[in-house]
All heavy atoms as atom14 arrays in JSON, in Angstrom:
{
  "sequence": "HSEPGNGAYHRRWTGKFGDTVPVPEPFAFELATSEPLRYPADR",
  "atom14_mask": [
    [1, 1, 1, 1, 1, 1, 1, 1, 1, 1, 0, 0, 0, 0],
    [1, 1, 1, 1, 1, 1, 0, 0, 0, 0, 0, 0, 0, 0],
    [1, 1, 1, 1, 1, 1, 1, 1, 1, 0, 0, 0, 0, 0],
    [1, 1, 1, 1, 1, 1, 1, 0, 0, 0, 0, 0, 0, 0],
    [1, 1, 1, 1, 0, 0, 0, 0, 0, 0, 0, 0, 0, 0],
    [1, 1, 1, 1, 1, 1, 1, 1, 0, 0, 0, 0, 0, 0],
    [1, 1, 1, 1, 0, 0, 0, 0, 0, 0, 0, 0, 0, 0],
    [1, 1, 1, 1, 1, 0, 0, 0, 0, 0, 0, 0, 0, 0],
    [1, 1, 1, 1, 1, 1, 1, 1, 1, 1, 1, 1, 0, 0],
    [1, 1, 1, 1, 1, 1, 1, 1, 1, 1, 0, 0, 0, 0],
    [1, 1, 1, 1, 1, 1, 1, 1, 1, 1, 1, 0, 0, 0],
    [1, 1, 1, 1, 1, 1, 1, 1, 1, 1, 1, 0, 0, 0],
    [1, 1, 1, 1, 1, 1, 1, 1, 1, 1, 1, 1, 1, 1],
    [1, 1, 1, 1, 1, 1, 1, 0, 0, 0, 0, 0, 0, 0],
    [1, 1, 1, 1, 0, 0, 0, 0, 0, 0, 0, 0, 0, 0],
    [1, 1, 1, 1, 1, 1, 1, 1, 1, 0, 0, 0, 0, 0],
    [1, 1, 1, 1, 1, 1, 1, 1, 1, 1, 1, 0, 0, 0],
    [1, 1, 1, 1, 0, 0, 0, 0, 0, 0, 0, 0, 0, 0],
    [1, 1, 1, 1, 1, 1, 1, 1, 0, 0, 0, 0, 0, 0],
    [1, 1, 1, 1, 1, 1, 1, 0, 0, 0, 0, 0, 0, 0],
    [1, 1, 1, 1, 1, 1, 1, 0, 0, 0, 0, 0, 0, 0],
    [1, 1, 1, 1, 1, 1, 1, 0, 0, 0, 0, 0, 0, 0],
    [1, 1, 1, 1, 1, 1, 1, 0, 0, 0, 0, 0, 0, 0],
    [1, 1, 1, 1, 1, 1, 1, 0, 0, 0, 0, 0, 0, 0],
    [1, 1, 1, 1, 1, 1, 1, 1, 1, 0, 0, 0, 0, 0],
    [1, 1, 1, 1, 1, 1, 1, 0, 0, 0, 0, 0, 0, 0],
    [1, 1, 1, 1, 1, 1, 1, 1, 1, 1, 1, 0, 0, 0],
    [1, 1, 1, 1, 1, 0, 0, 0, 0, 0, 0, 0, 0, 0],
    [1, 1, 1, 1, 1, 1, 1, 1, 1, 1, 1, 0, 0, 0],
    [1, 1, 1, 1, 1, 1, 1, 1, 1, 0, 0, 0, 0, 0],
    [1, 1, 1, 1, 1, 1, 1, 1, 0, 0, 0, 0, 0, 0],
    [1, 1, 1, 1, 1, 0, 0, 0, 0, 0, 0, 0, 0, 0],
    [1, 1, 1, 1, 1, 1, 1, 0, 0, 0, 0, 0, 0, 0],
    [1, 1, 1, 1, 1, 1, 0, 0, 0, 0, 0, 0, 0, 0],
    [1, 1, 1, 1, 1, 1, 1, 1, 1, 0, 0, 0, 0, 0],
    [1, 1, 1, 1, 1, 1, 1, 0, 0, 0, 0, 0, 0, 0],
    [1, 1, 1, 1, 1, 1, 1, 1, 0, 0, 0, 0, 0, 0],
    [1, 1, 1, 1, 1, 1, 1, 1, 1, 1, 1, 0, 0, 0],
    [1, 1, 1, 1, 1, 1, 1, 1, 1, 1, 1, 1, 0, 0],
    [1, 1, 1, 1, 1, 1, 1, 0, 0, 0, 0, 0, 0, 0],
    [1, 1, 1, 1, 1, 0, 0, 0, 0, 0, 0, 0, 0, 0],
    [1, 1, 1, 1, 1, 1, 1, 1, 0, 0, 0, 0, 0, 0],
    [1, 1, 1, 1, 1, 1, 1, 1, 1, 1, 1, 0, 0, 0]
  ],
  "atom14_positions": [
    [[1.11, 5.72, 1.12], [1.59, 7.01, 1.61], [0.61, 7.49, 2.68], [-0.6, 7.38, 2.5], [1.65, 8.03, 0.47], [2.56, 7.63, -0.64], [3.91, 7.9, -0.62], [2.32, 6.99, -1.8], [4.46, 7.43, -1.74], [3.51, 6.87, -2.47], [0.0, 0.0, 0.0], [0.0, 0.0, 0.0], [0.0, 0.0, 0.0], [0.0, 0.0, 0.0]],
    [[1.16, 8.06, 3.76], [0.29, 8.55, 4.84], [0.97, 9.7, 5.57], [2.09, 10.07, 5.25], [-0.06, 7.41, 5.8], [1.09, 6.87, 6.39], [0.0, 0.0, 0.0], [0.0, 0.0, 0.0], [0.0, 0.0, 0.0], [0.0, 0.0, 0.0], [0.0, 0.0, 0.0], [0.0, 0.0, 0.0], [0.0, 0.0, 0.0], [0.0, 0.0, 0.0]],
    [[0.26, 10.21, 6.56], [0.72, 11.32, 7.39], [1.08, 12.56, 6.57], [2.22, 13.02, 6.58], [1.89, 10.89, 8.28], [1.52, 9.81, 9.27], [2.65, 9.42, 10.21], [3.65, 10.17, 10.31], [2.52, 8.37, 10.84], [0.0, 0.0, 0.0], [0.0, 0.0, 0.0], [0.0, 0.0, 0.0], [0.0, 0.0, 0.0], [0.0, 0.0, 0.0]],
    [[0.08, 13.11, 5.86], [0.35, 14.34, 5.11], [0.53, 15.53, 6.04], [-0.09, 15.61, 7.11], [-0.91, 14.51, 4.25], [-1.99, 13.84, 5.03], [-1.32, 12.7, 5.75], [0.0, 0.0, 0.0], [0.0, 0.0, 0.0], [0.0, 0.0, 0.0], [0.0, 0.0, 0.0], [0.0, 0.0, 0.0], [0.0, 0.0, 0.0], [0.0, 0.0, 0.0]],
    [[1.38, 16.43, 5.62], [1.6, 17.66, 6.36], [2.55, 18.56, 5.61], [3.48, 18.07, 4.98], [0.0, 0.0, 0.0], [0.0, 0.0, 0.0], [0.0, 0.0, 0.0], [0.0, 0.0, 0.0], [0.0, 0.0, 0.0], [0.0, 0.0, 0.0], [0.0, 0.0, 0.0], [0.0, 0.0, 0.0], [0.0, 0.0, 0.0], [0.0, 0.0, 0.0]],
    [[2.3, 19.82, 5.64], [3.13, 20.8, 4.94], [3.3, 20.44, 3.47], [4.39, 20.58, 2.9], [4.49, 20.95, 5.61], [4.36, 21.51, 7.01], [3.53, 22.37, 7.25], [5.18, 21.02, 7.91], [0.0, 0.0, 0.0], [0.0, 0.0, 0.0], [0.0, 0.0, 0.0], [0.0, 0.0, 0.0], [0.0, 0.0, 0.0], [0.0, 0.0, 0.0]],
    [[2.23, 19.91, 2.84], [2.24, 19.66, 1.41], [2.91, 18.38, 0.95], [3.16, 18.22, -0.23], [0.0, 0.0, 0.0], [0.0, 0.0, 0.0], [0.0, 0.0, 0.0], [0.0, 0.0, 0.0], [0.0, 0.0, 0.0], [0.0, 0.0, 0.0], [0.0, 0.0, 0.0], [0.0, 0.0, 0.0], [0.0, 0.0, 0.0], [0.0, 0.0, 0.0]],
    [[3.22, 17.48, 1.87], [3.89, 16.23, 1.49], [3.46, 15.1, 2.43], [3.02, 15.35, 3.54], [5.4, 16.4, 1.56], [0.0, 0.0, 0.0], [0.0, 0.0, 0.0], [0.0, 0.0, 0.0], [0.0, 0.0, 0.0], [0.0, 0.0, 0.0], [0.0, 0.0, 0.0], [0.0, 0.0, 0.0], [0.0, 0.0, 0.0], [0.0, 0.0, 0.0]],
    [[3.6, 13.87, 1.95], [3.41, 12.72, 2.82], [4.71, 12.49, 3.6], [5.8, 12.61, 3.05], [3.07, 11.47, 2.0], [1.66, 11.48, 1.46], [1.41, 11.56, 0.1], [0.57, 11.41, 2.32], [0.12, 11.56, -0.4], [-0.73, 11.42, 1.83], [-0.95, 11.5, 0.48], [-2.23, 11.51, -0.01], [0.0, 0.0, 0.0], [0.0, 0.0, 0.0]],
    [[4.58, 12.11, 4.87], [5.75, 11.93, 5.72], [6.0, 10.47, 6.1], [6.99, 10.18, 6.76], [5.64, 12.8, 6.97], [5.64, 14.25, 6.63], [6.79, 14.94, 6.31], [4.63, 15.14, 6.51], [6.49, 16.19, 6.03], [5.19, 16.34, 6.14], [0.0, 0.0, 0.0], [0.0, 0.0, 0.0], [0.0, 0.0, 0.0], [0.0, 0.0, 0.0]],
    [[5.12, 9.59, 5.68], [5.33, 8.17, 5.95], [5.01, 7.39, 4.68], [4.05, 7.7, 3.97], [4.44, 7.71, 7.1], [4.55, 6.2, 7.33], [3.87, 5.83, 8.59], [4.93, 5.87, 9.61], [4.77, 5.45, 10.84], [3.63, 5.0, 11.24], [5.78, 5.48, 11.68], [0.0, 0.0, 0.0], [0.0, 0.0, 0.0], [0.0, 0.0, 0.0]],
    [[5.84, 6.36, 4.45], [5.62, 5.51, 3.27], [5.89, 4.06, 3.66], [6.96, 3.74, 4.18], [6.54, 5.93, 2.12], [6.32, 5.09, 0.88], [7.15, 5.57, -0.26], [8.55, 5.25, 0.02], [9.56, 5.68, -0.7], [9.35, 6.46, -1.73], [10.79, 5.35, -0.4], [0.0, 0.0, 0.0], [0.0, 0.0, 0.0], [0.0, 0.0, 0.0]],
    [[4.91, 3.22, 3.38], [5.07, 1.78, 3.55], [5.16, 1.18, 2.16], [4.37, 1.54, 1.28], [3.87, 1.2, 4.32], [3.93, -0.28, 4.45], [4.47, -0.99, 5.48], [3.46, -1.25, 3.5], [4.36, -2.34, 5.23], [3.74, -2.52, 4.02], [2.82, -1.17, 2.26], [3.41, -3.7, 3.35], [2.49, -2.33, 1.59], [2.8, -3.58, 2.15]],
    [[6.11, 0.28, 1.94], [6.22, -0.38, 0.64], [6.24, -1.89, 0.83], [6.73, -2.39, 1.85], [7.51, 0.04, -0.11], [8.64, -0.25, 0.69], [7.48, 1.53, -0.45], [0.0, 0.0, 0.0], [0.0, 0.0, 0.0], [0.0, 0.0, 0.0], [0.0, 0.0, 0.0], [0.0, 0.0, 0.0], [0.0, 0.0, 0.0], [0.0, 0.0, 0.0]],
    [[5.68, -2.57, -0.14], [5.66, -4.03, -0.11], [5.46, -4.58, -1.51], [5.45, -3.83, -2.49], [0.0, 0.0, 0.0], [0.0, 0.0, 0.0], [0.0, 0.0, 0.0], [0.0, 0.0, 0.0], [0.0, 0.0, 0.0], [0.0, 0.0, 0.0], [0.0, 0.0, 0.0], [0.0, 0.0, 0.0], [0.0, 0.0, 0.0], [0.0, 0.0, 0.0]],
    [[5.27, -5.88, -1.57], [5.05, -6.52, -2.86], [3.74, -7.3, -2.81], [3.21, -7.55, -1.73], [6.22, -7.42, -3.22], [6.47, -8.56, -2.25], [7.73, -9.31, -2.64], [8.02, -10.49, -1.77], [7.83, -10.37, -0.37], [0.0, 0.0, 0.0], [0.0, 0.0, 0.0], [0.0, 0.0, 0.0], [0.0, 0.0, 0.0], [0.0, 0.0, 0.0]],
    [[3.24, -7.67, -3.97], [2.0, -8.44, -4.02], [2.17, -9.67, -3.14], [3.2, -10.35, -3.2], [1.67, -8.86, -5.44], [1.13, -7.73, -6.31], [1.15, -6.41, -5.91], [0.61, -8.02, -7.55], [0.66, -5.4, -6.72], [0.11, -7.03, -8.37], [0.13, -5.71, -7.96], [0.0, 0.0, 0.0], [0.0, 0.0, 0.0], [0.0, 0.0, 0.0]],
    [[1.19, -9.94, -2.34], [1.25, -11.04, -1.39], [1.47, -10.56, 0.04], [1.15, -11.25, 0.99], [0.0, 0.0, 0.0], [0.0, 0.0, 0.0], [0.0, 0.0, 0.0], [0.0, 0.0, 0.0], [0.0, 0.0, 0.0], [0.0, 0.0, 0.0], [0.0, 0.0, 0.0], [0.0, 0.0, 0.0], [0.0, 0.0, 0.0], [0.0, 0.0, 0.0]],
    [[2.04, -9.35, 0.2], [2.22, -8.77, 1.53], [0.89, -8.26, 2.05], [-0.03, -7.98, 1.28], [3.22, -7.61, 1.49], [4.64, -8.06, 1.23], [4.93, -9.27, 1.35], [5.47, -7.19, 0.89], [0.0, 0.0, 0.0], [0.0, 0.0, 0.0], [0.0, 0.0, 0.0], [0.0, 0.0, 0.0], [0.0, 0.0, 0.0], [0.0, 0.0, 0.0]],
    [[0.8, -8.08, 3.35], [-0.38, -7.49, 3.98], [-0.1, -6.02, 4.23], [0.89, -5.66, 4.87], [-0.69, -8.21, 5.31], [-0.93, -9.59, 5.01], [-1.92, -7.62, 5.97], [0.0, 0.0, 0.0], [0.0, 0.0, 0.0], [0.0, 0.0, 0.0], [0.0, 0.0, 0.0], [0.0, 0.0, 0.0], [0.0, 0.0, 0.0], [0.0, 0.0, 0.0]],
    [[-0.99, -5.16, 3.72], [-0.83, -3.71, 3.85], [-1.46, -3.27, 5.16], [-2.66, -3.49, 5.38], [-1.5, -2.97, 2.67], [-1.3, -1.46, 2.81], [-0.98, -3.47, 1.34], [0.0, 0.0, 0.0], [0.0, 0.0, 0.0], [0.0, 0.0, 0.0], [0.0, 0.0, 0.0], [0.0, 0.0, 0.0], [0.0, 0.0, 0.0], [0.0, 0.0, 0.0]],
    [[-0.7, -2.62, 6.05], [-1.26, -2.12, 7.31], [-1.94, -0.77, 7.1], [-1.31, 0.28, 7.15], [-0.02, -1.99, 8.21], [1.09, -1.69, 7.24], [0.74, -2.41, 5.96], [0.0, 0.0, 0.0], [0.0, 0.0, 0.0], [0.0, 0.0, 0.0], [0.0, 0.0, 0.0], [0.0, 0.0, 0.0], [0.0, 0.0, 0.0], [0.0, 0.0, 0.0]],
    [[-3.23, -0.79, 6.85], [-3.99, 0.44, 6.59], [-4.3, 1.09, 7.95], [-4.98, 0.49, 8.78], [-5.28, 0.15, 5.8], [-6.05, 1.43, 5.56], [-4.95, -0.55, 4.48], [0.0, 0.0, 0.0], [0.0, 0.0, 0.0], [0.0, 0.0, 0.0], [0.0, 0.0, 0.0], [0.0, 0.0, 0.0], [0.0, 0.0, 0.0], [0.0, 0.0, 0.0]],
    [[-3.82, 2.32, 8.18], [-4.01, 2.96, 9.48], [-5.4, 3.57, 9.67], [-6.25, 3.48, 8.78], [-2.92, 4.04, 9.48], [-2.73, 4.39, 8.05], [-3.0, 3.11, 7.29], [0.0, 0.0, 0.0], [0.0, 0.0, 0.0], [0.0, 0.0, 0.0], [0.0, 0.0, 0.0], [0.0, 0.0, 0.0], [0.0, 0.0, 0.0], [0.0, 0.0, 0.0]],
    [[-5.59, 4.22, 10.79], [-6.83, 4.95, 11.08], [-7.1, 5.94, 9.95], [-6.16, 6.44, 9.35], [-6.71, 5.71, 12.41], [-6.57, 4.82, 13.6], [-7.85, 4.06, 13.94], [-8.94, 4.45, 13.46], [-7.75, 3.08, 14.66], [0.0, 0.0, 0.0], [0.0, 0.0, 0.0], [0.0, 0.0, 0.0], [0.0, 0.0, 0.0], [0.0, 0.0, 0.0]],
    [[-8.34, 6.19, 9.61], [-9.55, 5.84, 10.34], [-10.07, 4.43, 10.02], [-11.11, 4.03, 10.53], [-10.55, 6.89, 9.9], [-10.16, 7.17, 8.48], [-8.64, 7.06, 8.47], [0.0, 0.0, 0.0], [0.0, 0.0, 0.0], [0.0, 0.0, 0.0], [0.0, 0.0, 0.0], [0.0, 0.0, 0.0], [0.0, 0.0, 0.0], [0.0, 0.0, 0.0]],
    [[-9.37, 3.69, 9.19], [-9.84, 2.35, 8.81], [-9.3, 1.27, 9.75], [-10.03, 0.4, 10.18], [-9.45, 2.03, 7.36], [-10.01, 3.02, 6.39], [-9.22, 3.99, 5.81], [-11.36, 2.98, 6.05], [-9.75, 4.9, 4.92], [-11.9, 3.88, 5.16], [-11.09, 4.85, 4.59], [0.0, 0.0, 0.0], [0.0, 0.0, 0.0], [0.0, 0.0, 0.0]],
    [[-8.01, 1.29, 10.02], [-7.35, 0.38, 10.95], [-7.66, -1.09, 10.65], [-8.3, -1.78, 11.43], [-7.7, 0.72, 12.39], [0.0, 0.0, 0.0], [0.0, 0.0, 0.0], [0.0, 0.0, 0.0], [0.0, 0.0, 0.0], [0.0, 0.0, 0.0], [0.0, 0.0, 0.0], [0.0, 0.0, 0.0], [0.0, 0.0, 0.0], [0.0, 0.0, 0.0]],
    [[-7.16, -1.55, 9.51], [-7.27, -2.97, 9.17], [-6.08, -3.37, 8.33], [-5.3, -2.53, 7.89], [-8.59, -3.28, 8.44], [-8.67, -2.74, 7.04], [-8.31, -3.54, 5.95], [-9.1, -1.45, 6.79], [-8.38, -3.05, 4.66], [-9.18, -0.96, 5.5], [-8.82, -1.76, 4.43], [0.0, 0.0, 0.0], [0.0, 0.0, 0.0], [0.0, 0.0, 0.0]],
    [[-5.93, -4.67, 8.12], [-4.85, -5.18, 7.28], [-5.45, -5.66, 5.97], [-6.41, -6.43, 5.97], [-4.11, -6.3, 7.99], [-3.36, -5.8, 9.2], [-2.5, -6.86, 9.85], [-2.66, -8.06, 9.53], [-1.67, -6.48, 10.68], [0.0, 0.0, 0.0], [0.0, 0.0, 0.0], [0.0, 0.0, 0.0], [0.0, 0.0, 0.0], [0.0, 0.0, 0.0]],
    [[-4.9, -5.19, 4.87], [-5.4, -5.51, 3.53], [-4.56, -6.64, 2.94], [-3.37, -6.47, 2.71], [-5.32, -4.26, 2.64], [-5.71, -4.43, 1.18], [-7.2, -4.78, 1.07], [-5.41, -3.16, 0.41], [0.0, 0.0, 0.0], [0.0, 0.0, 0.0], [0.0, 0.0, 0.0], [0.0, 0.0, 0.0], [0.0, 0.0, 0.0], [0.0, 0.0, 0.0]],
    [[-5.21, -7.77, 2.71], [-4.52, -8.9, 2.08], [-4.38, -8.63, 0.59], [-5.3, -8.12, -0.05], [-5.32, -10.18, 2.31], [0.0, 0.0, 0.0], [0.0, 0.0, 0.0], [0.0, 0.0, 0.0], [0.0, 0.0, 0.0], [0.0, 0.0, 0.0], [0.0, 0.0, 0.0], [0.0, 0.0, 0.0], [0.0, 0.0, 0.0], [0.0, 0.0, 0.0]],
    [[-3.22, -8.95, 0.03], [-2.97, -8.65, -1.38], [-2.5, -9.88, -2.16], [-1.69, -9.77, -3.07], [-1.93, -7.53, -1.52], [-0.68, -8.0, -1.01], [-2.36, -6.27, -0.8], [0.0, 0.0, 0.0], [0.0, 0.0, 0.0], [0.0, 0.0, 0.0], [0.0, 0.0, 0.0], [0.0, 0.0, 0.0], [0.0, 0.0, 0.0], [0.0, 0.0, 0.0]],
    [[-3.02, -11.01, -1.84], [-2.59, -12.23, -2.54], [-3.2, -12.38, -3.92], [-2.73, -13.17, -4.72], [-2.93, -13.46, -1.69], [-4.33, -13.54, -1.49], [0.0, 0.0, 0.0], [0.0, 0.0, 0.0], [0.0, 0.0, 0.0], [0.0, 0.0, 0.0], [0.0, 0.0, 0.0], [0.0, 0.0, 0.0], [0.0, 0.0, 0.0], [0.0, 0.0, 0.0]],
    [[-4.22, -11.61, -4.23], [-4.95, -11.79, -5.48], [-4.63, -10.81, -6.62], [-5.03, -11.06, -7.74], [-6.46, -11.72, -5.21], [-6.95, -12.82, -4.29], [-6.71, -14.21, -4.84], [-6.88, -14.42, -6.06], [-6.34, -15.09, -4.05], [0.0, 0.0, 0.0], [0.0, 0.0, 0.0], [0.0, 0.0, 0.0], [0.0, 0.0, 0.0], [0.0, 0.0, 0.0]],
    [[-3.95, -9.67, -6.4], [-3.74, -8.75, -7.53], [-3.0, -9.41, -8.67], [-2.09, -10.22, -8.46], [-2.91, -7.62, -6.95], [-3.13, -7.68, -5.49], [-3.37, -9.13, -5.18], [0.0, 0.0, 0.0], [0.0, 0.0, 0.0], [0.0, 0.0, 0.0], [0.0, 0.0, 0.0], [0.0, 0.0, 0.0], [0.0, 0.0, 0.0], [0.0, 0.0, 0.0]],
    [[-3.38, -9.06, -9.86], [-2.73, -9.6, -11.06], [-1.71, -8.6, -11.58], [-1.93, -7.4, -11.54], [-3.77, -9.89, -12.14], [-4.83, -10.92, -11.77], [-5.84, -11.05, -12.9], [-4.19, -12.26, -11.48], [0.0, 0.0, 0.0], [0.0, 0.0, 0.0], [0.0, 0.0, 0.0], [0.0, 0.0, 0.0], [0.0, 0.0, 0.0], [0.0, 0.0, 0.0]],
    [[-0.63, -9.1, -12.1], [0.39, -8.25, -12.7], [0.06, -8.02, -14.16], [-0.59, -8.84, -14.8], [1.76, -8.9, -12.57], [2.1, -9.08, -11.09], [3.5, -9.05, -10.73], [4.37, -8.19, -11.47], [5.69, -8.33, -11.46], [6.25, -9.29, -10.77], [6.44, -7.51, -12.13], [0.0, 0.0, 0.0], [0.0, 0.0, 0.0], [0.0, 0.0, 0.0]],
    [[0.52, -6.9, -14.69], [0.4, -6.66, -16.12], [1.29, -7.67, -16.84], [2.34, -8.05, -16.32], [0.87, -5.25, -16.49], [-0.03, -4.13, -16.01], [0.52, -2.94, -15.56], [-1.41, -4.25, -16.03], [-0.27, -1.89, -15.14], [-2.21, -3.2, -15.61], [-1.64, -2.03, -15.17], [-2.43, -0.99, -14.75], [0.0, 0.0, 0.0], [0.0, 0.0, 0.0]],
    [[0.91, -8.08, -18.04], [1.78, -8.97, -18.81], [3.11, -8.27, -19.11], [3.16, -7.06, -19.27], [1.01, -9.22, -20.1], [-0.36, -8.72, -19.88], [-0.33, -7.77, -18.72], [0.0, 0.0, 0.0], [0.0, 0.0, 0.0], [0.0, 0.0, 0.0], [0.0, 0.0, 0.0], [0.0, 0.0, 0.0], [0.0, 0.0, 0.0], [0.0, 0.0, 0.0]],
    [[4.16, -9.04, -19.2], [5.48, -8.49, -19.53], [5.42, -7.85, -20.91], [4.79, -8.38, -21.83], [6.53, -9.58, -19.49], [0.0, 0.0, 0.0], [0.0, 0.0, 0.0], [0.0, 0.0, 0.0], [0.0, 0.0, 0.0], [0.0, 0.0, 0.0], [0.0, 0.0, 0.0], [0.0, 0.0, 0.0], [0.0, 0.0, 0.0], [0.0, 0.0, 0.0]],
    [[6.09, -6.72, -21.04], [6.16, -6.03, -22.33], [7.12, -6.79, -23.24], [8.29, -6.91, -22.96], [6.63, -4.6, -22.14], [6.68, -3.84, -23.45], [5.61, -3.7, -24.07], [7.78, -3.43, -23.82], [0.0, 0.0, 0.0], [0.0, 0.0, 0.0], [0.0, 0.0, 0.0], [0.0, 0.0, 0.0], [0.0, 0.0, 0.0], [0.0, 0.0, 0.0]],
    [[6.6, -7.31, -24.32], [7.43, -8.11, -25.22], [8.24, -7.27, -26.18], [9.11, -7.78, -26.85], [6.54, -9.09, -25.99], [5.87, -10.08, -25.06], [4.9, -10.93, -25.8], [4.1, -11.65, -24.84], [3.84, -12.92, -24.89], [4.3, -13.65, -25.87], [3.11, -13.49, -23.98], [0.0, 0.0, 0.0], [0.0, 0.0, 0.0], [0.0, 0.0, 0.0]]
  ]
}
């Protein structure tokens, strides 16, 4: 979530594990997400 204003975020990027997250300024880099682990399935 990014671009807050008037009490809400105005931009949302969504993806899945393995996608690269485009982190905007002030950081301005791409976050690789190939390593996150999922929670085990609820049996």
